[in-house]
Amino acid sequence: MTSLNRQFHLVSRPKGEATAANFQLLEAPVPSLAAGQVLVRHHFLSLDPYMRGRMDDARSYAPPQPLNQVIIGGTAGEVVESRHPSFATGDLVVDMGGWQQFSIVEGGAKGALRKVDTTHFPLPAYLGAVGMPGVTAWHGLTKICQPKPGDTIAMSAASGAVGSVVGQLAKARGYCALGFAGGADKCRYVTDELGFDACIDYKARGDSKSLYQALAAVTPNGIDGHFENVGGPILDAALARINDFGRIAVCGMISGYNGEPIPMTHPALILRSRLRIEGFLVSEHMESWPDALTELGGMAATGRLKYRESIAFGLEAAPEAFLGLLKGRNFGKQLVKLV
């Protein structure tokens, strides 16, 4: 095994859009293990929109990504050396190993390292549909949107890692699922492969009024819940179409991650329609993970939960793949394959 570890550091704060100049690829020695530690070789790196928000030195729900340190991120890989009795060489695991080839993890730290089974679906699914994005979808739908029989649920970024699961869970429960996605190909995937009732191409609609008209055309009885990943005109359209006492789960605002303002056009609708709007971080709702993973894993194992992945190859491809993710160039879950 190599004694060097290649890793990406954030070396400067983005000013507006992030660029390749904000990242630097470095080499560092792989330290020797201390008692209780586990050495993991990463096979896959997860790229997620939340990473952009943490690159700013600003008050947020999590501390900023430190400069000149390995960039934070989810990983899936295998144990290559262990000095902890719960882990053995060859175990497949997921952790927050970051943008690097190897990580050293404290084997006894709660939630730091989790063994996974690839008998029924492959390892990268644990970073997507059967991982954090899937649990995010499950919690936002079941605990915040709380649909009832006959309800209609809308969601932005419907072809992405979170939105695609929201819609499939809604359909599995017998609800109507409507998505917003960018481009005709993504919309066809959402309806033809994932089984949504309709999908609106936001790139073909220039503003919230046009988006509202498209949404109204497929929701004669309005919508009852909305799952928001993007913000901006899509959220405006959903607010204007949601029924009284509707519920909105907010887990992302990617349209504003580069610092652009994303004001609501008609915030008075929140009061007028007596809406419940709740932002959430799935890491703060660990009570949901067991039930969510049980259901998501069962659906994935039986082919009832479908997912798509965009895969970049090699650690050096991570920055460009990440920048593409922020512009919607990915199709489904964005991963980097390291092995």
C-alpha atoms as a PDB file:
ATOM      1  CA  MET A   1       0.000   0.000   0.000  1.00  0.00           C
ATOM      2  CA  THR A   2       1.213   3.510  -0.792  1.00  0.00           C
ATOM      3  CA  SER A   3       2.509   5.607   2.088  1.00  0.00           C
ATOM      4  CA  LEU A   4       1.236   8.830   0.460  1.00  0.00           C
ATOM      5  CA  ASN A   5      -2.263  10.219   0.589  1.00  0.00           C
ATOM      6  CA  ARG A   6      -3.493  12.611  -2.126  1.00  0.00           C
ATOM      7  CA  GLN A   7      -6.015  15.134  -0.837  1.00  0.00           C
ATOM      8  CA  PHE A   8      -7.756  18.371  -1.818  1.00  0.00           C
ATOM      9  CA  HIS A   9      -7.646  21.411   0.444  1.00  0.00           C
ATOM     10  CA  LEU A  10      -9.734  24.558   0.252  1.00  0.00           C
ATOM     11  CA  VAL A  11      -7.058  27.247  -0.021  1.00  0.00           C
ATOM     12  CA  SER A  12      -9.224  30.356  -0.542  1.00  0.00           C
ATOM     13  CA  ARG A  13     -12.820  31.456   0.000  1.00  0.00           C
ATOM     14  CA  PRO A  14     -14.936  31.726  -3.153  1.00  0.00           C
ATOM     15  CA  LYS A  15     -16.025  35.245  -4.082  1.00  0.00           C
ATOM     16  CA  GLY A  16     -19.334  34.581  -5.785  1.00  0.00           C
ATOM     17  CA  GLU A  17     -19.022  31.430  -7.867  1.00  0.00           C
ATOM     18  CA  ALA A  18     -16.439  28.899  -6.735  1.00  0.00           C
ATOM     19  CA  THR A  19     -13.582  28.271  -9.167  1.00  0.00           C
ATOM     20  CA  ALA A  20     -10.822  25.704  -9.585  1.00  0.00           C
ATOM     21  CA  ALA A  21      -8.407  28.215  -8.022  1.00  0.00           C
ATOM     22  CA  ASN A  22     -10.109  27.734  -4.641  1.00  0.00           C
ATOM     23  CA  PHE A  23      -8.844  24.130  -4.491  1.00  0.00           C
ATOM     24  CA  GLN A  24      -5.362  22.643  -4.267  1.00  0.00           C
ATOM     25  CA  LEU A  25      -4.310  19.006  -4.680  1.00  0.00           C
ATOM     26  CA  LEU A  26      -1.606  18.014  -2.206  1.00  0.00           C
ATOM     27  CA  GLU A  27       0.193  14.914  -0.997  1.00  0.00           C
ATOM     28  CA  ALA A  28       0.671  13.986   2.646  1.00  0.00           C
ATOM     29  CA  PRO A  29       2.046  10.886   4.350  1.00  0.00           C
ATOM     30  CA  VAL A  30      -0.397   8.326   5.709  1.00  0.00           C
ATOM     31  CA  PRO A  31       0.210   8.339   9.483  1.00  0.00           C
ATOM     32  CA  SER A  32       0.658   5.161  11.471  1.00  0.00           C
ATOM     33  CA  LEU A  33      -2.439   3.965  13.309  1.00  0.00           C
ATOM     34  CA  ALA A  34      -2.851   4.484  17.017  1.00  0.00           C
ATOM     35  CA  ALA A  35      -4.831   2.093  19.193  1.00  0.00           C
ATOM     36  CA  GLY A  36      -8.547   2.213  18.374  1.00  0.00           C
ATOM     37  CA  GLN A  37      -8.068   3.727  14.918  1.00  0.00           C
ATOM     38  CA  VAL A  38      -9.063   2.424  11.482  1.00  0.00           C
ATOM     39  CA  LEU A  39      -7.492   3.239   8.105  1.00  0.00           C
ATOM     40  CA  VAL A  40     -10.010   3.488   5.259  1.00  0.00           C
ATOM     41  CA  ARG A  41      -9.234   3.558   1.565  1.00  0.00           C
ATOM     42  CA  HIS A  42     -11.969   5.505  -0.194  1.00  0.00           C
ATOM     43  CA  HIS A  43     -13.577   4.026  -3.282  1.00  0.00           C
ATOM     44  CA  PHE A  44     -16.150   6.791  -3.800  1.00  0.00           C
ATOM     45  CA  LEU A  45     -16.421  10.442  -2.791  1.00  0.00           C
ATOM     46  CA  SER A  46     -19.819  12.105  -2.487  1.00  0.00           C
ATOM     47  CA  LEU A  47     -20.241  15.633  -3.886  1.00  0.00           C
ATOM     48  CA  ASP A  48     -23.173  17.564  -2.441  1.00  0.00           C
ATOM     49  CA  PRO A  49     -24.500  21.132  -2.742  1.00  0.00           C
ATOM     50  CA  TYR A  50     -24.149  21.811   0.991  1.00  0.00           C
ATOM     51  CA  MET A  51     -20.370  21.853   0.539  1.00  0.00           C
ATOM     52  CA  ARG A  52     -20.577  25.206  -1.258  1.00  0.00           C
ATOM     53  CA  GLY A  53     -22.267  26.877   1.704  1.00  0.00           C
ATOM     54  CA  ARG A  54     -19.570  25.671   4.076  1.00  0.00           C
ATOM     55  CA  MET A  55     -16.864  27.221   1.900  1.00  0.00           C
ATOM     56  CA  ASP A  56     -17.994  30.714   2.966  1.00  0.00           C
ATOM     57  CA  ASP A  57     -16.768  32.201   6.221  1.00  0.00           C
ATOM     58  CA  ALA A  58     -20.242  33.161   7.371  1.00  0.00           C
ATOM     59  CA  ARG A  59     -22.723  32.220  10.064  1.00  0.00           C
ATOM     60  CA  SER A  60     -24.596  29.111   9.058  1.00  0.00           C
ATOM     61  CA  TYR A  61     -25.940  25.847  10.408  1.00  0.00           C
ATOM     62  CA  ALA A  62     -22.440  24.335  10.452  1.00  0.00           C
ATOM     63  CA  PRO A  63     -18.926  25.711  10.983  1.00  0.00           C
ATOM     64  CA  PRO A  64     -17.177  26.914   7.800  1.00  0.00           C
ATOM     65  CA  GLN A  65     -14.834  24.587   5.970  1.00  0.00           C
ATOM     66  CA  PRO A  66     -11.387  25.441   7.410  1.00  0.00           C
ATOM     67  CA  LEU A  67      -8.832  26.756   4.952  1.00  0.00           C
ATOM     68  CA  ASN A  68      -5.799  24.605   4.173  1.00  0.00           C
ATOM     69  CA  GLN A  69      -7.445  21.443   5.440  1.00  0.00           C
ATOM     70  CA  VAL A  70      -9.037  18.462   3.696  1.00  0.00           C
ATOM     71  CA  ILE A  71     -12.441  19.374   2.289  1.00  0.00           C
ATOM     72  CA  ILE A  72     -15.294  17.786   4.232  1.00  0.00           C
ATOM     73  CA  GLY A  73     -17.380  15.157   2.413  1.00  0.00           C
ATOM     74  CA  GLY A  74     -18.969  11.742   2.604  1.00  0.00           C
ATOM     75  CA  THR A  75     -17.028   8.695   1.414  1.00  0.00           C
ATOM     76  CA  ALA A  76     -17.496   4.969   0.925  1.00  0.00           C
ATOM     77  CA  GLY A  77     -14.634   2.497   0.883  1.00  0.00           C
ATOM     78  CA  GLU A  78     -12.892  -0.397   2.594  1.00  0.00           C
ATOM     79  CA  VAL A  79     -10.887  -0.914   5.732  1.00  0.00           C
ATOM     80  CA  VAL A  80      -7.249  -1.583   4.833  1.00  0.00           C
ATOM     81  CA  GLU A  81      -5.882  -1.648   8.398  1.00  0.00           C
ATOM     82  CA  SER A  82      -7.575  -1.729  11.771  1.00  0.00           C
ATOM     83  CA  ARG A  83      -6.581  -1.380  15.394  1.00  0.00           C
ATOM     84  CA  HIS A  84     -10.180  -1.490  16.626  1.00  0.00           C
ATOM     85  CA  PRO A  85     -11.948  -4.788  17.431  1.00  0.00           C
ATOM     86  CA  SER A  86     -15.192  -3.812  15.650  1.00  0.00           C
ATOM     87  CA  PHE A  87     -13.532  -3.437  12.252  1.00  0.00           C
ATOM     88  CA  ALA A  88     -11.450  -5.809  10.163  1.00  0.00           C
ATOM     89  CA  THR A  89      -9.441  -5.492   6.988  1.00  0.00           C
ATOM     90  CA  GLY A  90     -11.790  -5.783   4.025  1.00  0.00           C
ATOM     91  CA  ASP A  91     -14.883  -4.390   5.760  1.00  0.00           C
ATOM     92  CA  LEU A  92     -16.862  -2.043   3.510  1.00  0.00           C
ATOM     93  CA  VAL A  93     -17.712   1.200   5.289  1.00  0.00           C
ATOM     94  CA  VAL A  94     -19.085   4.716   4.877  1.00  0.00           C
ATOM     95  CA  ASP A  95     -17.811   7.772   6.726  1.00  0.00           C
ATOM     96  CA  MET A  96     -17.073  11.477   6.342  1.00  0.00           C
ATOM     97  CA  GLY A  97     -13.584  10.891   5.028  1.00  0.00           C
ATOM     98  CA  GLY A  98     -13.391  14.008   2.861  1.00  0.00           C
ATOM     99  CA  TRP A  99     -11.752  14.777  -0.470  1.00  0.00           C
ATOM    100  CA  GLN A 100      -8.828  12.381  -0.132  1.00  0.00           C
ATOM    101  CA  GLN A 101      -7.783   8.832  -0.910  1.00  0.00           C
ATOM    102  CA  PHE A 102      -7.382   7.636   2.691  1.00  0.00           C
ATOM    103  CA  SER A 103      -8.748   8.633   6.071  1.00  0.00           C
ATOM    104  CA  ILE A 104      -7.999   7.602   9.630  1.00  0.00           C
ATOM    105  CA  VAL A 105     -11.109   7.186  11.764  1.00  0.00           C
ATOM    106  CA  GLU A 106     -11.584   6.607  15.472  1.00  0.00           C
ATOM    107  CA  GLY A 107     -13.305   3.228  15.441  1.00  0.00           C
ATOM    108  CA  GLY A 108     -15.145   3.830  18.700  1.00  0.00           C
ATOM    109  CA  ALA A 109     -16.544   7.276  17.851  1.00  0.00           C
ATOM    110  CA  LYS A 110     -20.337   7.146  17.630  1.00  0.00           C
ATOM    111  CA  GLY A 111     -21.556   7.410  14.039  1.00  0.00           C
ATOM    112  CA  ALA A 112     -18.096   8.044  12.616  1.00  0.00           C
ATOM    113  CA  LEU A 113     -17.756   4.770  10.697  1.00  0.00           C
ATOM    114  CA  ARG A 114     -20.541   2.442   9.602  1.00  0.00           C
ATOM    115  CA  LYS A 115     -20.175  -1.022   8.077  1.00  0.00           C
ATOM    116  CA  VAL A 116     -22.371  -1.701   5.043  1.00  0.00           C
ATOM    117  CA  ASP A 117     -23.482  -4.751   3.071  1.00  0.00           C
ATOM    118  CA  THR A 118     -23.317  -4.788  -0.723  1.00  0.00           C
ATOM    119  CA  THR A 119     -25.186  -8.060  -1.209  1.00  0.00           C
ATOM    120  CA  HIS A 120     -28.302  -6.425  -2.635  1.00  0.00           C
ATOM    121  CA  PHE A 121     -27.060  -3.120  -4.067  1.00  0.00           C
ATOM    122  CA  PRO A 122     -23.635  -1.616  -4.790  1.00  0.00           C
ATOM    123  CA  LEU A 123     -21.432   0.441  -2.494  1.00  0.00           C
ATOM    124  CA  PRO A 124     -22.080   3.907  -4.025  1.00  0.00           C
ATOM    125  CA  ALA A 125     -25.810   3.618  -3.251  1.00  0.00           C
ATOM    126  CA  TYR A 126     -24.866   4.205   0.395  1.00  0.00           C
ATOM    127  CA  LEU A 127     -23.840   7.742  -0.583  1.00  0.00           C
ATOM    128  CA  GLY A 128     -27.087   8.368  -2.443  1.00  0.00           C
ATOM    129  CA  ALA A 129     -30.478   6.693  -2.397  1.00  0.00           C
ATOM    130  CA  VAL A 130     -29.649   4.533   0.652  1.00  0.00           C
ATOM    131  CA  GLY A 131     -27.556   7.172   2.369  1.00  0.00           C
ATOM    132  CA  MET A 132     -27.764  10.760   3.496  1.00  0.00           C
ATOM    133  CA  PRO A 133     -29.723  12.034   0.448  1.00  0.00           C
ATOM    134  CA  GLY A 134     -32.261   9.223   0.745  1.00  0.00           C
ATOM    135  CA  VAL A 135     -32.755   9.753   4.474  1.00  0.00           C
ATOM    136  CA  THR A 136     -33.116  13.494   3.819  1.00  0.00           C
ATOM    137  CA  ALA A 137     -35.913  12.735   1.370  1.00  0.00           C
ATOM    138  CA  TRP A 138     -37.593  10.308   3.773  1.00  0.00           C
ATOM    139  CA  HIS A 139     -37.519  12.671   6.750  1.00  0.00           C
ATOM    140  CA  GLY A 140     -38.685  15.736   4.838  1.00  0.00           C
ATOM    141  CA  LEU A 141     -41.569  13.881   3.231  1.00  0.00           C
ATOM    142  CA  THR A 142     -42.808  11.810   6.152  1.00  0.00           C
ATOM    143  CA  LYS A 143     -42.055  14.096   9.117  1.00  0.00           C
ATOM    144  CA  ILE A 144     -42.549  17.578   7.647  1.00  0.00           C
ATOM    145  CA  CYS A 145     -44.750  17.331   4.539  1.00  0.00           C
ATOM    146  CA  GLN A 146     -46.770  14.613   6.312  1.00  0.00           C
ATOM    147  CA  PRO A 147     -48.970  13.718   3.323  1.00  0.00           C
ATOM    148  CA  LYS A 148     -52.455  12.320   3.741  1.00  0.00           C
ATOM    149  CA  PRO A 149     -54.301  10.014   1.323  1.00  0.00           C
ATOM    150  CA  GLY A 150     -55.115  11.877  -1.881  1.00  0.00           C
ATOM    151  CA  ASP A 151     -52.489  14.601  -1.344  1.00  0.00           C
ATOM    152  CA  THR A 152     -50.339  16.082  -4.093  1.00  0.00           C
ATOM    153  CA  ILE A 153     -46.641  16.625  -3.381  1.00  0.00           C
ATOM    154  CA  ALA A 154     -44.326  18.816  -5.475  1.00  0.00           C
ATOM    155  CA  MET A 155     -40.541  18.966  -5.331  1.00  0.00           C
ATOM    156  CA  SER A 156     -37.680  20.849  -6.970  1.00  0.00           C
ATOM    157  CA  ALA A 157     -34.528  19.158  -8.320  1.00  0.00           C
ATOM    158  CA  ALA A 158     -36.686  16.111  -9.002  1.00  0.00           C
ATOM    159  CA  SER A 159     -34.015  14.210 -10.935  1.00  0.00           C
ATOM    160  CA  GLY A 160     -31.387  14.747  -8.236  1.00  0.00           C
ATOM    161  CA  ALA A 161     -30.266  12.515  -5.408  1.00  0.00           C
ATOM    162  CA  VAL A 162     -32.838  13.856  -2.927  1.00  0.00           C
ATOM    163  CA  GLY A 163     -35.768  14.911  -5.103  1.00  0.00           C
ATOM    164  CA  SER A 164     -35.873  11.638  -7.019  1.00  0.00           C
ATOM    165  CA  VAL A 165     -36.308   9.713  -3.771  1.00  0.00           C
ATOM    166  CA  VAL A 166     -38.973  12.107  -2.461  1.00  0.00           C
ATOM    167  CA  GLY A 167     -41.123  11.459  -5.514  1.00  0.00           C
ATOM    168  CA  GLN A 168     -40.686   7.704  -5.481  1.00  0.00           C
ATOM    169  CA  LEU A 169     -41.549   7.511  -1.793  1.00  0.00           C
ATOM    170  CA  ALA A 170     -44.624   9.646  -2.449  1.00  0.00           C
ATOM    171  CA  LYS A 171     -45.760   7.380  -5.287  1.00  0.00           C
ATOM    172  CA  ALA A 172     -45.119   4.248  -3.201  1.00  0.00           C
ATOM    173  CA  ARG A 173     -47.510   5.661  -0.612  1.00  0.00           C
ATOM    174  CA  GLY A 174     -50.177   6.452  -3.192  1.00  0.00           C
ATOM    175  CA  TYR A 175     -49.751  10.229  -3.426  1.00  0.00           C
ATOM    176  CA  CYS A 176     -49.516  12.344  -6.565  1.00  0.00           C
ATOM    177  CA  ALA A 177     -45.904  13.419  -7.250  1.00  0.00           C
ATOM    178  CA  LEU A 178     -44.959  16.449  -9.359  1.00  0.00           C
ATOM    179  CA  GLY A 179     -41.391  17.498 -10.052  1.00  0.00           C
ATOM    180  CA  PHE A 180     -39.343  20.408 -11.371  1.00  0.00           C
ATOM    181  CA  ALA A 181     -36.150  19.557 -13.250  1.00  0.00           C
ATOM    182  CA  GLY A 182     -33.776  21.284 -15.656  1.00  0.00           C
ATOM    183  CA  GLY A 183     -34.111  20.052 -19.227  1.00  0.00           C
ATOM    184  CA  ALA A 184     -36.293  17.755 -21.274  1.00  0.00           C
ATOM    185  CA  ASP A 185     -34.084  14.691 -20.724  1.00  0.00           C
ATOM    186  CA  LYS A 186     -34.279  15.020 -16.949  1.00  0.00           C
ATOM    187  CA  CYS A 187     -38.029  15.538 -17.059  1.00  0.00           C
ATOM    188  CA  ARG A 188     -38.501  12.426 -19.207  1.00  0.00           C
ATOM    189  CA  TYR A 189     -36.429  10.441 -16.715  1.00  0.00           C
ATOM    190  CA  VAL A 190     -38.546  11.725 -13.819  1.00  0.00           C
ATOM    191  CA  THR A 191     -41.844  10.723 -15.428  1.00  0.00           C
ATOM    192  CA  ASP A 192     -40.925   7.727 -17.597  1.00  0.00           C
ATOM    193  CA  GLU A 193     -38.461   5.946 -15.301  1.00  0.00           C
ATOM    194  CA  LEU A 194     -39.228   7.197 -11.805  1.00  0.00           C
ATOM    195  CA  GLY A 195     -42.994   7.255 -12.271  1.00  0.00           C
ATOM    196  CA  PHE A 196     -43.806  10.846 -11.284  1.00  0.00           C
ATOM    197  CA  ASP A 197     -47.195  12.086 -12.468  1.00  0.00           C
ATOM    198  CA  ALA A 198     -45.680  15.151 -14.161  1.00  0.00           C
ATOM    199  CA  CYS A 199     -42.439  17.106 -14.407  1.00  0.00           C
ATOM    200  CA  ILE A 200     -41.981  20.776 -15.303  1.00  0.00           C
ATOM    201  CA  ASP A 201     -38.841  21.878 -17.160  1.00  0.00           C
ATOM    202  CA  TYR A 202     -37.855  25.031 -15.308  1.00  0.00           C
ATOM    203  CA  LYS A 203     -35.270  25.879 -17.968  1.00  0.00           C
ATOM    204  CA  ALA A 204     -38.102  26.266 -20.465  1.00  0.00           C
ATOM    205  CA  ARG A 205     -39.920  28.643 -18.103  1.00  0.00           C
ATOM    206  CA  GLY A 206     -38.343  32.010 -17.536  1.00  0.00           C
ATOM    207  CA  ASP A 207     -39.952  33.217 -14.314  1.00  0.00           C
ATOM    208  CA  SER A 208     -42.190  32.303 -11.387  1.00  0.00           C
ATOM    209  CA  LYS A 209     -45.358  33.344 -13.247  1.00  0.00           C
ATOM    210  CA  SER A 210     -44.605  30.950 -16.095  1.00  0.00           C
ATOM    211  CA  LEU A 211     -43.672  28.218 -13.634  1.00  0.00           C
ATOM    212  CA  TYR A 212     -46.910  28.807 -11.754  1.00  0.00           C
ATOM    213  CA  GLN A 213     -48.944  28.490 -14.958  1.00  0.00           C
ATOM    214  CA  ALA A 214     -47.228  25.195 -15.763  1.00  0.00           C
ATOM    215  CA  LEU A 215     -47.803  23.940 -12.226  1.00  0.00           C
ATOM    216  CA  ALA A 216     -51.455  25.016 -12.251  1.00  0.00           C
ATOM    217  CA  ALA A 217     -52.018  23.119 -15.502  1.00  0.00           C
ATOM    218  CA  VAL A 218     -51.144  19.798 -13.840  1.00  0.00           C
ATOM    219  CA  THR A 219     -52.596  20.484 -10.381  1.00  0.00           C
ATOM    220  CA  PRO A 220     -56.316  21.252 -10.767  1.00  0.00           C
ATOM    221  CA  ASN A 221     -56.741  20.871  -6.999  1.00  0.00           C
ATOM    222  CA  GLY A 222     -53.526  22.635  -5.997  1.00  0.00           C
ATOM    223  CA  ILE A 223     -50.665  21.046  -4.065  1.00  0.00           C
ATOM    224  CA  ASP A 224     -50.638  19.991  -0.423  1.00  0.00           C
ATOM    225  CA  GLY A 225     -46.927  19.669   0.249  1.00  0.00           C
ATOM    226  CA  HIS A 226     -43.687  20.861  -1.315  1.00  0.00           C
ATOM    227  CA  PHE A 227     -40.093  19.707  -0.887  1.00  0.00           C
ATOM    228  CA  GLU A 228     -37.639  22.519  -1.636  1.00  0.00           C
ATOM    229  CA  ASN A 229     -34.037  22.039  -2.736  1.00  0.00           C
ATOM    230  CA  VAL A 230     -33.508  25.122  -4.910  1.00  0.00           C
ATOM    231  CA  GLY A 231     -35.454  28.234  -3.867  1.00  0.00           C
ATOM    232  CA  GLY A 232     -36.153  31.239  -6.077  1.00  0.00           C
ATOM    233  CA  PRO A 233     -38.877  31.151  -8.758  1.00  0.00           C
ATOM    234  CA  ILE A 234     -39.724  27.483  -8.125  1.00  0.00           C
ATOM    235  CA  LEU A 235     -40.478  28.201  -4.475  1.00  0.00           C
ATOM    236  CA  ASP A 236     -42.523  31.252  -5.504  1.00  0.00           C
ATOM    237  CA  ALA A 237     -44.612  29.094  -7.841  1.00  0.00           C
ATOM    238  CA  ALA A 238     -45.160  26.466  -5.153  1.00  0.00           C
ATOM    239  CA  LEU A 239     -46.189  29.090  -2.579  1.00  0.00           C
ATOM    240  CA  ALA A 240     -48.745  30.499  -5.001  1.00  0.00           C
ATOM    241  CA  ARG A 241     -50.202  27.055  -5.736  1.00  0.00           C
ATOM    242  CA  ILE A 242     -50.161  25.400  -2.322  1.00  0.00           C
ATOM    243  CA  ASN A 243     -53.452  24.810  -0.529  1.00  0.00           C
ATOM    244  CA  ASP A 244     -54.366  26.197   2.884  1.00  0.00           C
ATOM    245  CA  PHE A 245     -52.439  24.547   5.715  1.00  0.00           C
ATOM    246  CA  GLY A 246     -49.862  23.194   3.263  1.00  0.00           C
ATOM    247  CA  ARG A 247     -46.462  21.972   4.456  1.00  0.00           C
ATOM    248  CA  ILE A 248     -43.098  22.887   2.937  1.00  0.00           C
ATOM    249  CA  ALA A 249     -39.870  21.050   3.793  1.00  0.00           C
ATOM    250  CA  VAL A 250     -36.730  23.046   3.005  1.00  0.00           C
ATOM    251  CA  CYS A 251     -33.424  21.185   2.833  1.00  0.00           C
ATOM    252  CA  GLY A 252     -31.572  23.267   0.237  1.00  0.00           C
ATOM    253  CA  MET A 253     -31.414  26.669  -1.466  1.00  0.00           C
ATOM    254  CA  ILE A 254     -28.909  25.921  -4.198  1.00  0.00           C
ATOM    255  CA  SER A 255     -29.996  28.898  -6.311  1.00  0.00           C
ATOM    256  CA  GLY A 256     -28.391  31.185  -3.713  1.00  0.00           C
ATOM    257  CA  TYR A 257     -25.254  29.233  -2.828  1.00  0.00           C
ATOM    258  CA  ASN A 258     -23.010  31.609  -4.804  1.00  0.00           C
ATOM    259  CA  GLY A 259     -24.233  34.585  -2.802  1.00  0.00           C
ATOM    260  CA  GLU A 260     -27.117  35.697  -5.005  1.00  0.00           C
ATOM    261  CA  PRO A 261     -30.158  37.023  -3.129  1.00  0.00           C
ATOM    262  CA  ILE A 262     -33.227  34.766  -3.353  1.00  0.00           C
ATOM    263  CA  PRO A 263     -36.126  36.826  -2.011  1.00  0.00           C
ATOM    264  CA  MET A 264     -39.691  35.521  -1.912  1.00  0.00           C
ATOM    265  CA  THR A 265     -42.005  37.407  -4.267  1.00  0.00           C
ATOM    266  CA  HIS A 266     -45.139  37.030  -2.128  1.00  0.00           C
ATOM    267  CA  PRO A 267     -44.198  36.140   1.478  1.00  0.00           C
ATOM    268  CA  ALA A 268     -47.691  37.178   2.609  1.00  0.00           C
ATOM    269  CA  LEU A 269     -48.910  33.856   1.198  1.00  0.00           C
ATOM    270  CA  ILE A 270     -47.342  32.138   4.206  1.00  0.00           C
ATOM    271  CA  LEU A 271     -49.838  33.854   6.495  1.00  0.00           C
ATOM    272  CA  ARG A 272     -52.738  33.914   4.065  1.00  0.00           C
ATOM    273  CA  SER A 273     -52.563  30.168   3.476  1.00  0.00           C
ATOM    274  CA  ARG A 274     -51.456  29.355   7.068  1.00  0.00           C
ATOM    275  CA  LEU A 275     -48.479  27.384   5.857  1.00  0.00           C
ATOM    276  CA  ARG A 276     -45.967  25.357   7.811  1.00  0.00           C
ATOM    277  CA  ILE A 277     -42.438  25.892   6.449  1.00  0.00           C
ATOM    278  CA  GLU A 278     -39.573  24.059   8.122  1.00  0.00           C
ATOM    279  CA  GLY A 279     -35.916  23.960   7.257  1.00  0.00           C
ATOM    280  CA  PHE A 280     -34.041  20.907   8.470  1.00  0.00           C
ATOM    281  CA  LEU A 281     -30.703  19.121   8.548  1.00  0.00           C
ATOM    282  CA  VAL A 282     -30.983  15.360   8.459  1.00  0.00           C
ATOM    283  CA  SER A 283     -27.899  15.057  10.682  1.00  0.00           C
ATOM    284  CA  GLU A 284     -29.983  16.603  13.471  1.00  0.00           C
ATOM    285  CA  HIS A 285     -32.648  13.913  13.144  1.00  0.00           C
ATOM    286  CA  MET A 286     -30.750  10.705  13.780  1.00  0.00           C
ATOM    287  CA  GLU A 287     -33.960   9.178  15.137  1.00  0.00           C
ATOM    288  CA  SER A 288     -35.204   8.960  11.534  1.00  0.00           C
ATOM    289  CA  TRP A 289     -32.224   7.050  10.142  1.00  0.00           C
ATOM    290  CA  PRO A 290     -33.077   3.478  11.218  1.00  0.00           C
ATOM    291  CA  ASP A 291     -36.635   3.519   9.830  1.00  0.00           C
ATOM    292  CA  ALA A 292     -35.572   5.420   6.731  1.00  0.00           C
ATOM    293  CA  LEU A 293     -32.670   3.105   5.893  1.00  0.00           C
ATOM    294  CA  THR A 294     -34.811   0.027   6.473  1.00  0.00           C
ATOM    295  CA  GLU A 295     -37.443   1.213   4.005  1.00  0.00           C
ATOM    296  CA  LEU A 296     -34.998   2.640   1.462  1.00  0.00           C
ATOM    297  CA  GLY A 297     -32.788  -0.442   1.597  1.00  0.00           C
ATOM    298  CA  GLY A 298     -35.765  -2.749   1.082  1.00  0.00           C
ATOM    299  CA  MET A 299     -36.985  -0.725  -1.885  1.00  0.00           C
ATOM    300  CA  ALA A 300     -33.514  -0.596  -3.456  1.00  0.00           C
ATOM    301  CA  ALA A 301     -32.941  -4.331  -2.967  1.00  0.00           C
ATOM    302  CA  THR A 302     -36.189  -5.168  -4.743  1.00  0.00           C
ATOM    303  CA  GLY A 303     -35.772  -2.651  -7.554  1.00  0.00           C
ATOM    304  CA  ARG A 304     -38.613  -0.413  -6.375  1.00  0.00           C
ATOM    305  CA  LEU A 305     -36.252   2.478  -5.642  1.00  0.00           C
ATOM    306  CA  LYS A 306     -34.465   3.630  -8.772  1.00  0.00           C
ATOM    307  CA  TYR A 307     -31.532   5.999  -8.854  1.00  0.00           C
ATOM    308  CA  ARG A 308     -29.051   7.431 -11.291  1.00  0.00           C
ATOM    309  CA  GLU A 309     -25.438   8.461 -10.775  1.00  0.00           C
ATOM    310  CA  SER A 310     -23.043  10.849 -12.470  1.00  0.00           C
ATOM    311  CA  ILE A 311     -19.519   9.553 -11.883  1.00  0.00           C
ATOM    312  CA  ALA A 312     -16.267  11.459 -12.353  1.00  0.00           C
ATOM    313  CA  PHE A 313     -13.081   9.408 -12.337  1.00  0.00           C
ATOM    314  CA  GLY A 314     -10.040  10.153 -10.209  1.00  0.00           C
ATOM    315  CA  LEU A 315      -9.576  12.485  -7.268  1.00  0.00           C
ATOM    316  CA  GLU A 316      -8.212  15.201  -9.542  1.00  0.00           C
ATOM    317  CA  ALA A 317     -11.652  15.383 -11.216  1.00  0.00           C
ATOM    318  CA  ALA A 318     -13.433  16.380  -7.986  1.00  0.00           C
ATOM    319  CA  PRO A 319     -13.310  20.199  -8.316  1.00  0.00           C
ATOM    320  CA  GLU A 320     -14.656  20.289 -11.868  1.00  0.00           C
ATOM    321  CA  ALA A 321     -17.368  17.764 -11.011  1.00  0.00           C
ATOM    322  CA  PHE A 322     -18.325  19.834  -7.973  1.00  0.00           C
ATOM    323  CA  LEU A 323     -18.520  23.060  -9.964  1.00  0.00           C
ATOM    324  CA  GLY A 324     -20.676  21.249 -12.536  1.00  0.00           C
ATOM    325  CA  LEU A 325     -22.986  20.034  -9.775  1.00  0.00           C
ATOM    326  CA  LEU A 326     -23.632  23.621  -8.689  1.00  0.00           C
ATOM    327  CA  LYS A 327     -24.657  24.443 -12.277  1.00  0.00           C
ATOM    328  CA  GLY A 328     -26.934  21.407 -12.612  1.00  0.00           C
ATOM    329  CA  ARG A 329     -24.712  19.497 -15.042  1.00  0.00           C
ATOM    330  CA  ASN A 330     -25.002  16.269 -13.062  1.00  0.00           C
ATOM    331  CA  PHE A 331     -27.769  13.754 -13.671  1.00  0.00           C
ATOM    332  CA  GLY A 332     -28.710  12.120 -10.367  1.00  0.00           C
ATOM    333  CA  LYS A 333     -26.217  11.642  -7.554  1.00  0.00           C
ATOM    334  CA  GLN A 334     -22.748  13.126  -8.237  1.00  0.00           C
ATOM    335  CA  LEU A 335     -19.868  10.866  -7.206  1.00  0.00           C
ATOM    336  CA  VAL A 336     -16.135  10.657  -7.775  1.00  0.00           C
ATOM    337  CA  LYS A 337     -14.712   7.159  -8.241  1.00  0.00           C
ATOM    338  CA  LEU A 338     -11.301   6.914  -6.610  1.00  0.00           C
ATOM    339  CA  VAL A 339     -10.433   3.226  -7.056  1.00  0.00           C
END
